[in-house]
Amino acid sequence: MSEVLFYVTTFLLQTVTVLFVARFLLQACRVDFYNPISQGIVKATDPVLKPMRMVLPGYRNLDFAAFLAAVIAQVIFVYAVAAISGRFPGTALQVIVNSGINVLLFIVKAFWWGILIMIIASFIAPGSYHPALTLLQQLTEPLLAPARRLIPPMGGLDFSPILVFLLIGVIERILPQLYI
């Protein structure tokens, strides 16, 4: 029974975290909010984020309320898993810091998967329009544009994602070392 409870808890709280991370990234990358997928994410997260923004406003294109909501969801996840498994989760400071690092890792993984999906889609259906592909293109462009200036396309092939994947790999290896 505890295995089922663990699965359901993990699924629900990780989904909530992904929604808040997606909302943070939508605003940070200045994605088109009229995209139907963006609208769905906004509608799903607004009930929590609107009251939080009264206390914690954003700065430029950074939505601190969405980031904090993702961290809170991760903190709840850690305490829920600890309660289900009967283990000690650590001190409150450890849980908060580790949850913040996990949210940063979610952001890094979102970029990694977004770029990978864009690469595959460019081979399978080049030049096609789909709201999800448009959203991914707008999300990944802030990372790929500077890399394209360093490594311009050669012979119709864009090698800039390789540089971004290298950077993402470095970040993925540094962040876990920050756990308390």
N, C-alpha and C. Protein backbone atom coordinates (compact mmCIF):
# COMPACT_ATOMS: atom_id res chain seq x y z
N MET A 1 0.82 -1.20 0.00
CA MET A 1 0.00 0.00 0.00
C MET A 1 0.86 1.26 0.00
N SER A 2 1.96 1.23 0.76
CA SER A 2 2.81 2.42 0.81
C SER A 2 3.50 2.67 -0.53
N GLU A 3 3.71 1.61 -1.33
CA GLU A 3 4.31 1.78 -2.65
C GLU A 3 3.38 2.55 -3.58
N VAL A 4 2.09 2.25 -3.50
CA VAL A 4 1.10 2.97 -4.31
C VAL A 4 1.01 4.41 -3.85
N LEU A 5 0.99 4.62 -2.56
CA LEU A 5 0.94 5.99 -2.01
C LEU A 5 2.18 6.77 -2.42
N PHE A 6 3.33 6.12 -2.39
CA PHE A 6 4.57 6.77 -2.81
C PHE A 6 4.49 7.16 -4.29
N TYR A 7 4.00 6.26 -5.13
CA TYR A 7 3.88 6.53 -6.57
C TYR A 7 2.93 7.70 -6.83
N VAL A 8 1.77 7.68 -6.21
CA VAL A 8 0.79 8.75 -6.43
C VAL A 8 1.32 10.09 -5.93
N THR A 9 1.93 10.09 -4.76
CA THR A 9 2.49 11.32 -4.20
C THR A 9 3.60 11.86 -5.11
N THR A 10 4.48 10.99 -5.55
CA THR A 10 5.56 11.41 -6.44
C THR A 10 5.01 11.99 -7.73
N PHE A 11 4.06 11.29 -8.33
CA PHE A 11 3.48 11.76 -9.59
C PHE A 11 2.84 13.13 -9.44
N LEU A 12 2.01 13.29 -8.43
CA LEU A 12 1.28 14.55 -8.25
C LEU A 12 2.22 15.72 -7.94
N LEU A 13 3.11 15.54 -6.99
CA LEU A 13 3.97 16.65 -6.58
C LEU A 13 5.03 16.97 -7.64
N GLN A 14 5.53 15.98 -8.36
CA GLN A 14 6.47 16.27 -9.44
C GLN A 14 5.75 16.98 -10.59
N THR A 15 4.51 16.61 -10.87
CA THR A 15 3.73 17.29 -11.90
C THR A 15 3.49 18.74 -11.53
N VAL A 16 3.17 19.00 -10.28
CA VAL A 16 2.98 20.37 -9.82
C VAL A 16 4.28 21.15 -9.96
N THR A 17 5.39 20.55 -9.59
CA THR A 17 6.68 21.21 -9.73
C THR A 17 6.98 21.53 -11.19
N VAL A 18 6.71 20.58 -12.07
CA VAL A 18 6.96 20.81 -13.50
C VAL A 18 6.09 21.96 -14.02
N LEU A 19 4.85 22.04 -13.58
CA LEU A 19 3.98 23.14 -14.01
C LEU A 19 4.54 24.49 -13.58
N PHE A 20 4.99 24.59 -12.34
CA PHE A 20 5.54 25.87 -11.86
C PHE A 20 6.87 26.20 -12.54
N VAL A 21 7.68 25.19 -12.80
CA VAL A 21 8.93 25.42 -13.52
C VAL A 21 8.62 25.87 -14.94
N ALA A 22 7.64 25.24 -15.56
CA ALA A 22 7.24 25.66 -16.91
C ALA A 22 6.75 27.10 -16.91
N ARG A 23 5.98 27.47 -15.91
CA ARG A 23 5.50 28.85 -15.83
C ARG A 23 6.66 29.82 -15.65
N PHE A 24 7.63 29.45 -14.83
CA PHE A 24 8.81 30.28 -14.65
C PHE A 24 9.56 30.45 -15.98
N LEU A 25 9.74 29.35 -16.70
CA LEU A 25 10.47 29.39 -17.96
C LEU A 25 9.70 30.15 -19.04
N LEU A 26 8.38 30.04 -19.04
CA LEU A 26 7.58 30.78 -20.03
C LEU A 26 7.85 32.27 -19.93
N GLN A 27 7.89 32.76 -18.70
CA GLN A 27 8.11 34.19 -18.52
C GLN A 27 9.59 34.55 -18.70
N ALA A 28 10.48 33.71 -18.22
CA ALA A 28 11.91 34.00 -18.33
C ALA A 28 12.37 34.05 -19.78
N CYS A 29 11.79 33.19 -20.61
CA CYS A 29 12.17 33.13 -22.03
C CYS A 29 11.27 33.98 -22.91
N ARG A 30 10.33 34.67 -22.31
CA ARG A 30 9.40 35.55 -23.04
C ARG A 30 8.67 34.81 -24.16
N VAL A 31 8.10 33.70 -23.78
CA VAL A 31 7.36 32.86 -24.73
C VAL A 31 6.00 33.49 -25.00
N ASP A 32 5.47 33.24 -26.18
CA ASP A 32 4.16 33.75 -26.58
C ASP A 32 3.09 33.17 -25.66
N PHE A 33 2.43 34.04 -24.88
CA PHE A 33 1.42 33.57 -23.94
C PHE A 33 0.09 33.27 -24.63
N TYR A 34 -0.01 33.52 -25.92
CA TYR A 34 -1.22 33.17 -26.65
C TYR A 34 -1.16 31.77 -27.23
N ASN A 35 -0.04 31.11 -27.08
CA ASN A 35 0.09 29.71 -27.47
C ASN A 35 -0.88 28.90 -26.60
N PRO A 36 -1.63 27.96 -27.18
CA PRO A 36 -2.61 27.21 -26.37
C PRO A 36 -1.98 26.44 -25.21
N ILE A 37 -0.77 25.95 -25.39
CA ILE A 37 -0.11 25.23 -24.30
C ILE A 37 0.27 26.21 -23.19
N SER A 38 0.76 27.38 -23.57
CA SER A 38 1.07 28.41 -22.57
C SER A 38 -0.17 28.81 -21.80
N GLN A 39 -1.27 28.95 -22.51
CA GLN A 39 -2.53 29.32 -21.85
C GLN A 39 -2.95 28.26 -20.83
N GLY A 40 -2.77 26.99 -21.17
CA GLY A 40 -3.10 25.92 -20.23
C GLY A 40 -2.25 25.97 -18.98
N ILE A 41 -0.96 26.22 -19.16
CA ILE A 41 -0.06 26.31 -18.01
C ILE A 41 -0.40 27.51 -17.14
N VAL A 42 -0.72 28.63 -17.79
CA VAL A 42 -1.09 29.85 -17.05
C VAL A 42 -2.37 29.60 -16.25
N LYS A 43 -3.37 29.00 -16.87
CA LYS A 43 -4.63 28.75 -16.17
C LYS A 43 -4.46 27.77 -15.02
N ALA A 44 -3.56 26.80 -15.17
CA ALA A 44 -3.35 25.82 -14.11
C ALA A 44 -2.59 26.40 -12.93
N THR A 45 -1.71 27.37 -13.19
CA THR A 45 -0.86 27.89 -12.10
C THR A 45 -1.33 29.22 -11.51
N ASP A 46 -2.19 29.94 -12.22
CA ASP A 46 -2.63 31.25 -11.73
C ASP A 46 -3.29 31.24 -10.35
N PRO A 47 -4.13 30.25 -10.01
CA PRO A 47 -4.75 30.31 -8.67
C PRO A 47 -3.75 30.36 -7.53
N VAL A 48 -2.60 29.75 -7.71
CA VAL A 48 -1.57 29.77 -6.66
C VAL A 48 -0.68 31.01 -6.80
N LEU A 49 -0.36 31.38 -8.03
CA LEU A 49 0.64 32.43 -8.25
C LEU A 49 0.09 33.85 -8.06
N LYS A 50 -1.17 34.08 -8.36
CA LYS A 50 -1.71 35.44 -8.21
C LYS A 50 -1.58 35.95 -6.77
N PRO A 51 -2.01 35.19 -5.77
CA PRO A 51 -1.81 35.69 -4.39
C PRO A 51 -0.34 35.81 -4.00
N MET A 52 0.50 34.89 -4.50
CA MET A 52 1.92 34.94 -4.15
C MET A 52 2.59 36.18 -4.73
N ARG A 53 2.12 36.64 -5.89
CA ARG A 53 2.73 37.81 -6.53
C ARG A 53 2.47 39.10 -5.76
N MET A 54 1.45 39.12 -4.92
CA MET A 54 1.20 40.30 -4.09
C MET A 54 2.32 40.46 -3.07
N VAL A 55 2.86 39.35 -2.63
CA VAL A 55 3.94 39.37 -1.63
C VAL A 55 5.31 39.34 -2.30
N LEU A 56 5.43 38.60 -3.39
CA LEU A 56 6.71 38.41 -4.05
C LEU A 56 6.58 38.77 -5.53
N PRO A 57 6.78 40.03 -5.86
CA PRO A 57 6.64 40.43 -7.27
C PRO A 57 7.82 39.94 -8.10
N GLY A 58 7.60 39.91 -9.39
CA GLY A 58 8.66 39.51 -10.31
C GLY A 58 9.59 40.68 -10.59
N TYR A 59 10.67 40.37 -11.25
CA TYR A 59 11.63 41.39 -11.65
C TYR A 59 11.94 41.17 -13.12
N ARG A 60 11.63 42.17 -13.93
CA ARG A 60 11.78 42.09 -15.38
C ARG A 60 11.04 40.86 -15.89
N ASN A 61 11.75 39.90 -16.44
CA ASN A 61 11.05 38.73 -16.95
C ASN A 61 11.24 37.49 -16.06
N LEU A 62 11.61 37.70 -14.80
CA LEU A 62 11.76 36.58 -13.86
C LEU A 62 10.58 36.55 -12.92
N ASP A 63 9.89 35.42 -12.90
CA ASP A 63 8.72 35.23 -12.06
C ASP A 63 9.15 34.50 -10.79
N PHE A 64 9.51 35.27 -9.77
CA PHE A 64 10.01 34.67 -8.53
C PHE A 64 8.93 33.88 -7.80
N ALA A 65 7.67 34.26 -7.98
CA ALA A 65 6.58 33.53 -7.34
C ALA A 65 6.49 32.11 -7.90
N ALA A 66 6.65 31.95 -9.20
CA ALA A 66 6.61 30.62 -9.81
C ALA A 66 7.80 29.78 -9.34
N PHE A 67 8.97 30.39 -9.25
CA PHE A 67 10.15 29.65 -8.78
C PHE A 67 9.94 29.22 -7.33
N LEU A 68 9.45 30.14 -6.48
CA LEU A 68 9.21 29.81 -5.08
C LEU A 68 8.14 28.73 -4.95
N ALA A 69 7.11 28.79 -5.76
CA ALA A 69 6.06 27.76 -5.72
C ALA A 69 6.64 26.40 -6.10
N ALA A 70 7.55 26.35 -7.06
CA ALA A 70 8.20 25.09 -7.43
C ALA A 70 9.05 24.57 -6.28
N VAL A 71 9.76 25.46 -5.60
CA VAL A 71 10.58 25.05 -4.45
C VAL A 71 9.67 24.53 -3.33
N ILE A 72 8.57 25.21 -3.07
CA ILE A 72 7.63 24.77 -2.03
C ILE A 72 7.07 23.39 -2.37
N ALA A 73 6.73 23.17 -3.65
CA ALA A 73 6.23 21.86 -4.06
C ALA A 73 7.28 20.79 -3.82
N GLN A 74 8.54 21.10 -4.06
CA GLN A 74 9.62 20.14 -3.81
C GLN A 74 9.81 19.89 -2.31
N VAL A 75 9.67 20.93 -1.50
CA VAL A 75 9.77 20.76 -0.05
C VAL A 75 8.66 19.84 0.44
N ILE A 76 7.45 20.07 -0.03
CA ILE A 76 6.32 19.21 0.35
C ILE A 76 6.59 17.78 -0.12
N PHE A 77 7.14 17.64 -1.31
CA PHE A 77 7.47 16.31 -1.83
C PHE A 77 8.46 15.59 -0.92
N VAL A 78 9.51 16.28 -0.51
CA VAL A 78 10.53 15.66 0.35
C VAL A 78 9.92 15.22 1.67
N TYR A 79 9.10 16.09 2.29
CA TYR A 79 8.48 15.72 3.57
C TYR A 79 7.44 14.61 3.40
N ALA A 80 6.72 14.60 2.28
CA ALA A 80 5.73 13.55 2.04
C ALA A 80 6.42 12.20 1.84
N VAL A 81 7.48 12.19 1.07
CA VAL A 81 8.22 10.94 0.85
C VAL A 81 8.84 10.46 2.16
N ALA A 82 9.35 11.39 2.96
CA ALA A 82 9.92 11.01 4.26
C ALA A 82 8.85 10.43 5.18
N ALA A 83 7.66 11.01 5.15
CA ALA A 83 6.58 10.50 6.00
C ALA A 83 6.13 9.12 5.54
N ILE A 84 6.08 8.91 4.24
CA ILE A 84 5.65 7.60 3.71
C ILE A 84 6.69 6.53 4.01
N SER A 85 7.97 6.87 3.83
CA SER A 85 9.02 5.87 4.02
C SER A 85 9.47 5.76 5.47
N GLY A 86 9.10 6.72 6.31
CA GLY A 86 9.49 6.67 7.71
C GLY A 86 10.92 7.09 7.96
N ARG A 87 11.50 7.85 7.04
CA ARG A 87 12.88 8.32 7.19
C ARG A 87 12.92 9.77 7.61
N PHE A 88 14.06 10.18 8.13
CA PHE A 88 14.27 11.58 8.51
C PHE A 88 14.70 12.35 7.27
N PRO A 89 13.98 13.42 6.88
CA PRO A 89 14.32 14.13 5.65
C PRO A 89 15.53 15.05 5.76
N GLY A 90 15.94 15.36 6.97
CA GLY A 90 17.04 16.31 7.17
C GLY A 90 16.50 17.56 7.85
N THR A 91 17.38 18.49 8.13
CA THR A 91 16.94 19.72 8.75
C THR A 91 16.14 20.55 7.75
N ALA A 92 15.42 21.52 8.26
CA ALA A 92 14.61 22.37 7.39
C ALA A 92 15.48 23.10 6.37
N LEU A 93 16.64 23.58 6.79
CA LEU A 93 17.54 24.27 5.88
C LEU A 93 18.03 23.33 4.78
N GLN A 94 18.38 22.10 5.14
CA GLN A 94 18.82 21.13 4.15
C GLN A 94 17.72 20.85 3.13
N VAL A 95 16.50 20.68 3.60
CA VAL A 95 15.39 20.38 2.70
C VAL A 95 15.13 21.55 1.76
N ILE A 96 15.17 22.77 2.25
CA ILE A 96 14.90 23.95 1.42
C ILE A 96 16.00 24.12 0.37
N VAL A 97 17.26 24.04 0.81
CA VAL A 97 18.37 24.21 -0.13
C VAL A 97 18.36 23.11 -1.19
N ASN A 98 18.18 21.87 -0.75
CA ASN A 98 18.15 20.76 -1.70
C ASN A 98 16.95 20.85 -2.64
N SER A 99 15.84 21.35 -2.16
CA SER A 99 14.67 21.54 -3.03
C SER A 99 14.94 22.62 -4.06
N GLY A 100 15.60 23.69 -3.66
CA GLY A 100 15.97 24.73 -4.62
C GLY A 100 16.91 24.21 -5.69
N ILE A 101 17.86 23.37 -5.29
CA ILE A 101 18.78 22.77 -6.26
C ILE A 101 18.02 21.83 -7.20
N ASN A 102 17.05 21.08 -6.65
CA ASN A 102 16.24 20.20 -7.50
C ASN A 102 15.45 20.99 -8.53
N VAL A 103 14.93 22.14 -8.14
CA VAL A 103 14.19 22.98 -9.08
C VAL A 103 15.13 23.49 -10.18
N LEU A 104 16.33 23.88 -9.81
CA LEU A 104 17.31 24.30 -10.81
C LEU A 104 17.65 23.15 -11.76
N LEU A 105 17.74 21.94 -11.22
CA LEU A 105 17.98 20.77 -12.07
C LEU A 105 16.79 20.50 -13.00
N PHE A 106 15.57 20.75 -12.51
CA PHE A 106 14.38 20.64 -13.37
C PHE A 106 14.49 21.61 -14.54
N ILE A 107 14.92 22.83 -14.26
CA ILE A 107 15.05 23.84 -15.30
C ILE A 107 16.09 23.40 -16.33
N VAL A 108 17.22 22.91 -15.86
CA VAL A 108 18.28 22.45 -16.76
C VAL A 108 17.79 21.28 -17.61
N LYS A 109 17.10 20.34 -16.98
CA LYS A 109 16.56 19.19 -17.73
C LYS A 109 15.50 19.63 -18.74
N ALA A 110 14.72 20.64 -18.40
CA ALA A 110 13.70 21.14 -19.34
C ALA A 110 14.38 21.68 -20.59
N PHE A 111 15.46 22.41 -20.42
CA PHE A 111 16.19 22.91 -21.58
C PHE A 111 16.80 21.75 -22.38
N TRP A 112 17.37 20.78 -21.68
CA TRP A 112 17.99 19.64 -22.36
C TRP A 112 16.96 18.90 -23.22
N TRP A 113 15.82 18.56 -22.62
CA TRP A 113 14.78 17.84 -23.36
C TRP A 113 14.20 18.70 -24.47
N GLY A 114 14.02 19.98 -24.21
CA GLY A 114 13.48 20.87 -25.25
C GLY A 114 14.38 20.93 -26.47
N ILE A 115 15.68 21.06 -26.24
CA ILE A 115 16.62 21.11 -27.37
C ILE A 115 16.65 19.77 -28.09
N LEU A 116 16.65 18.67 -27.34
CA LEU A 116 16.66 17.35 -27.98
C LEU A 116 15.40 17.14 -28.83
N ILE A 117 14.25 17.52 -28.33
CA ILE A 117 13.01 17.37 -29.10
C ILE A 117 13.05 18.26 -30.34
N MET A 118 13.59 19.47 -30.22
CA MET A 118 13.69 20.35 -31.38
C MET A 118 14.63 19.76 -32.45
N ILE A 119 15.71 19.14 -32.03
CA ILE A 119 16.64 18.51 -32.98
C ILE A 119 15.93 17.37 -33.71
N ILE A 120 15.26 16.52 -32.97
CA ILE A 120 14.56 15.39 -33.59
C ILE A 120 13.46 15.89 -34.52
N ALA A 121 12.70 16.87 -34.08
CA ALA A 121 11.61 17.41 -34.90
C ALA A 121 12.14 18.06 -36.17
N SER A 122 13.32 18.65 -36.10
CA SER A 122 13.87 19.29 -37.30
C SER A 122 14.25 18.26 -38.36
N PHE A 123 14.53 17.04 -37.94
CA PHE A 123 14.82 15.97 -38.91
C PHE A 123 13.55 15.29 -39.39
N ILE A 124 12.59 15.09 -38.50
CA ILE A 124 11.37 14.37 -38.85
C ILE A 124 10.41 15.24 -39.64
N ALA A 125 10.15 16.45 -39.16
CA ALA A 125 9.16 17.33 -39.80
C ALA A 125 9.71 18.75 -39.89
N PRO A 126 10.69 18.99 -40.76
CA PRO A 126 11.27 20.33 -40.83
C PRO A 126 10.26 21.35 -41.35
N GLY A 127 10.23 22.50 -40.71
CA GLY A 127 9.38 23.59 -41.15
C GLY A 127 7.91 23.42 -40.83
N SER A 128 7.54 22.39 -40.06
CA SER A 128 6.12 22.20 -39.74
C SER A 128 5.74 23.07 -38.54
N TYR A 129 4.44 23.35 -38.46
CA TYR A 129 3.95 24.17 -37.36
C TYR A 129 3.15 23.31 -36.40
N HIS A 130 3.48 23.40 -35.17
CA HIS A 130 2.70 22.79 -34.10
C HIS A 130 2.91 23.67 -32.87
N PRO A 131 1.86 23.92 -32.10
CA PRO A 131 2.02 24.80 -30.93
C PRO A 131 3.11 24.34 -29.97
N ALA A 132 3.27 23.03 -29.80
CA ALA A 132 4.30 22.53 -28.88
C ALA A 132 5.70 22.81 -29.43
N LEU A 133 5.88 22.63 -30.73
CA LEU A 133 7.19 22.89 -31.32
C LEU A 133 7.51 24.38 -31.31
N THR A 134 6.50 25.21 -31.55
CA THR A 134 6.71 26.65 -31.47
C THR A 134 7.10 27.06 -30.06
N LEU A 135 6.43 26.50 -29.07
CA LEU A 135 6.73 26.79 -27.67
C LEU A 135 8.16 26.35 -27.33
N LEU A 136 8.55 25.16 -27.76
CA LEU A 136 9.91 24.68 -27.49
C LEU A 136 10.96 25.53 -28.19
N GLN A 137 10.65 25.96 -29.41
CA GLN A 137 11.59 26.82 -30.14
C GLN A 137 11.79 28.13 -29.39
N GLN A 138 10.71 28.71 -28.89
CA GLN A 138 10.81 29.96 -28.15
C GLN A 138 11.50 29.77 -26.81
N LEU A 139 11.33 28.61 -26.18
CA LEU A 139 11.99 28.33 -24.91
C LEU A 139 13.50 28.13 -25.07
N THR A 140 13.89 27.44 -26.13
CA THR A 140 15.30 27.10 -26.29
C THR A 140 16.11 28.18 -27.00
N GLU A 141 15.45 29.08 -27.69
CA GLU A 141 16.17 30.10 -28.45
C GLU A 141 17.10 30.97 -27.60
N PRO A 142 16.72 31.37 -26.36
CA PRO A 142 17.65 32.17 -25.57
C PRO A 142 18.98 31.47 -25.26
N LEU A 143 18.99 30.14 -25.26
CA LEU A 143 20.25 29.41 -25.06
C LEU A 143 20.97 29.16 -26.38
N LEU A 144 20.21 28.88 -27.43
CA LEU A 144 20.83 28.52 -28.70
C LEU A 144 21.36 29.72 -29.47
N ALA A 145 20.73 30.88 -29.33
CA ALA A 145 21.16 32.06 -30.10
C ALA A 145 22.61 32.45 -29.79
N PRO A 146 23.01 32.56 -28.52
CA PRO A 146 24.43 32.88 -28.26
C PRO A 146 25.38 31.78 -28.76
N ALA A 147 24.93 30.54 -28.67
CA ALA A 147 25.78 29.44 -29.16
C ALA A 147 25.92 29.50 -30.68
N ARG A 148 24.88 29.96 -31.38
CA ARG A 148 24.96 30.09 -32.84
C ARG A 148 25.93 31.19 -33.26
N ARG A 149 26.09 32.18 -32.41
CA ARG A 149 27.07 33.22 -32.73
C ARG A 149 28.49 32.67 -32.62
N LEU A 150 28.70 31.72 -31.72
CA LEU A 150 30.02 31.11 -31.57
C LEU A 150 30.27 30.03 -32.63
N ILE A 151 29.23 29.23 -32.91
CA ILE A 151 29.33 28.16 -33.89
C ILE A 151 28.22 28.37 -34.93
N PRO A 152 28.51 29.07 -36.01
CA PRO A 152 27.47 29.30 -37.02
C PRO A 152 27.12 28.00 -37.75
N PRO A 153 25.91 27.92 -38.32
CA PRO A 153 25.52 26.72 -39.07
C PRO A 153 26.49 26.46 -40.23
N MET A 154 26.83 25.20 -40.40
CA MET A 154 27.76 24.82 -41.46
C MET A 154 27.07 23.82 -42.39
N GLY A 155 26.97 24.19 -43.65
CA GLY A 155 26.37 23.28 -44.62
C GLY A 155 24.92 22.95 -44.32
N GLY A 156 24.20 23.87 -43.74
CA GLY A 156 22.80 23.63 -43.41
C GLY A 156 22.59 22.89 -42.10
N LEU A 157 23.65 22.53 -41.42
CA LEU A 157 23.54 21.84 -40.13
C LEU A 157 23.92 22.79 -39.01
N ASP A 158 23.12 22.77 -37.96
CA ASP A 158 23.34 23.64 -36.81
C ASP A 158 24.00 22.82 -35.70
N PHE A 159 25.25 23.13 -35.42
CA PHE A 159 26.00 22.42 -34.40
C PHE A 159 25.98 23.13 -33.04
N SER A 160 25.27 24.24 -32.94
CA SER A 160 25.22 24.99 -31.68
C SER A 160 24.61 24.19 -30.53
N PRO A 161 23.65 23.27 -30.78
CA PRO A 161 23.16 22.49 -29.64
C PRO A 161 24.23 21.67 -28.94
N ILE A 162 25.27 21.29 -29.66
CA ILE A 162 26.34 20.51 -29.03
C ILE A 162 27.01 21.34 -27.94
N LEU A 163 27.26 22.61 -28.22
CA LEU A 163 27.85 23.50 -27.22
C LEU A 163 26.92 23.68 -26.03
N VAL A 164 25.63 23.83 -26.30
CA VAL A 164 24.65 24.00 -25.22
C VAL A 164 24.55 22.72 -24.40
N PHE A 165 24.55 21.55 -25.05
CA PHE A 165 24.53 20.28 -24.32
C PHE A 165 25.77 20.14 -23.43
N LEU A 166 26.91 20.60 -23.90
CA LEU A 166 28.13 20.57 -23.10
C LEU A 166 27.97 21.43 -21.85
N LEU A 167 27.46 22.63 -22.04
CA LEU A 167 27.22 23.54 -20.92
C LEU A 167 26.21 22.95 -19.94
N ILE A 168 25.12 22.38 -20.46
CA ILE A 168 24.11 21.77 -19.60
C ILE A 168 24.72 20.60 -18.82
N GLY A 169 25.55 19.80 -19.48
CA GLY A 169 26.20 18.68 -18.79
C GLY A 169 27.09 19.15 -17.65
N VAL A 170 27.80 20.24 -17.86
CA VAL A 170 28.64 20.79 -16.79
C VAL A 170 27.78 21.25 -15.62
N ILE A 171 26.70 21.96 -15.93
CA ILE A 171 25.80 22.45 -14.86
C ILE A 171 25.17 21.28 -14.11
N GLU A 172 24.78 20.23 -14.84
CA GLU A 172 24.18 19.06 -14.19
C GLU A 172 25.16 18.35 -13.26
N ARG A 173 26.43 18.50 -13.53
CA ARG A 173 27.41 17.85 -12.66
C ARG A 173 27.84 18.74 -11.50
N ILE A 174 27.67 20.04 -11.65
CA ILE A 174 28.03 20.97 -10.57
C ILE A 174 26.91 21.07 -9.53
N LEU A 175 25.67 21.19 -9.99
CA LEU A 175 24.55 21.41 -9.06
C LEU A 175 24.41 20.35 -7.97
N PRO A 176 24.49 19.05 -8.29
CA PRO A 176 24.37 18.05 -7.20
C PRO A 176 25.46 18.14 -6.14
N GLN A 177 26.59 18.73 -6.48
CA GLN A 177 27.65 18.88 -5.49
C GLN A 177 27.31 19.95 -4.45
N LEU A 178 26.29 20.76 -4.73
CA LEU A 178 25.88 21.82 -3.81
C LEU A 178 24.91 21.34 -2.74
N TYR A 179 24.46 20.08 -2.83
CA TYR A 179 23.54 19.56 -1.81
C TYR A 179 24.18 19.63 -0.44
N ILE A 180 23.34 19.95 0.51
CA ILE A 180 23.81 20.01 1.91
C ILE A 180 23.64 18.65 2.55
